[in-house]
Protein backbone atom coordinates (compact mmCIF):
# COMPACT_ATOMS: atom_id res chain seq x y z
CA MET A 1 104.33 48.09 226.41
CA LEU A 2 101.97 45.11 226.78
CA ASP A 3 101.50 42.90 229.97
CA PHE A 4 100.85 39.28 229.53
CA ASP A 5 100.11 37.26 232.63
CA TYR A 6 99.94 33.47 232.91
CA MET A 7 100.48 32.82 229.31
CA PRO A 8 103.02 30.60 227.47
CA PHE A 9 105.90 32.13 225.87
CA LYS A 10 104.96 31.06 222.47
CA SER A 11 101.53 32.83 222.73
CA VAL A 12 103.21 36.07 223.90
CA ARG A 13 105.45 35.87 220.89
CA TYR A 14 102.61 35.23 218.34
CA TRP A 15 100.69 38.25 219.68
CA ALA A 16 103.69 40.47 219.95
CA LEU A 17 104.30 39.66 216.17
CA ARG A 18 100.88 40.34 215.12
CA THR A 19 100.87 43.66 217.11
CA LEU A 20 104.06 44.66 215.78
CA LYS A 21 103.13 44.14 212.08
CA TRP A 22 99.62 45.54 212.47
CA PHE A 23 100.63 48.77 214.06
CA LYS A 24 104.19 49.03 212.49
CA LEU A 25 105.98 49.27 215.81
CA GLY A 26 109.45 48.65 214.60
CA GLY A 27 110.66 45.71 216.97
CA PHE A 28 109.98 44.38 220.30
CA LEU A 29 111.78 42.92 223.45
CA ILE A 30 109.94 40.28 225.68
CA LEU A 31 110.87 40.41 229.25
CA LYS A 32 109.89 37.75 231.66
CA SER A 33 108.41 39.29 234.93
CA SER A 34 107.81 36.11 236.77
CA ARG A 35 106.64 32.54 235.88
CA GLU A 36 104.47 32.60 232.83
CA CYS A 37 104.17 36.38 232.91
CA TYR A 38 105.73 38.66 230.32
CA HIS A 39 106.19 42.35 229.53
CA VAL A 40 106.48 43.10 225.58
CA VAL A 41 108.13 46.52 224.95
CA PHE A 42 108.10 47.88 221.36
CA ASP A 43 110.64 50.18 219.74
CA ARG A 44 108.25 52.88 218.36
CA THR A 45 107.07 55.63 220.79
CA VAL A 46 103.35 56.03 220.64
CA SER A 47 100.75 58.56 222.27
CA TRP A 48 98.63 57.55 225.14
CA THR A 49 95.49 57.47 222.93
CA GLU A 50 97.42 55.18 220.38
CA ASN A 51 98.63 53.01 223.17
CA MET A 52 94.96 52.33 224.31
CA ARG A 53 93.86 51.65 220.72
CA ILE A 54 96.71 49.01 220.50
CA VAL A 55 95.57 47.44 223.87
CA ALA A 56 91.88 47.45 222.85
CA TRP A 57 92.78 45.94 219.44
CA LEU A 58 94.92 43.17 221.11
CA CYS A 59 92.01 42.49 223.66
CA LEU A 60 89.42 42.15 220.86
CA GLN A 61 91.65 40.11 218.47
CA SER A 62 92.95 37.63 221.23
CA LEU A 63 89.87 37.33 223.42
CA ILE A 64 92.26 37.11 226.36
CA GLU A 65 90.10 37.67 229.40
CA ARG A 66 93.01 38.17 231.99
């Protein structure tokens, strides 16, 4: 699961698709948690280590500071 706060839906969808393809995560569901805040849940189960690799990759690729 990834957490995107204060980001437009289009950007969340873009990064969810890039992450899905790069890590072969199967599919995803985007849930709106509050105004301009989203959770992205992927189909494939991953270990904690791989989850942290995914989060680190996304941070480096997107340069999201929040």
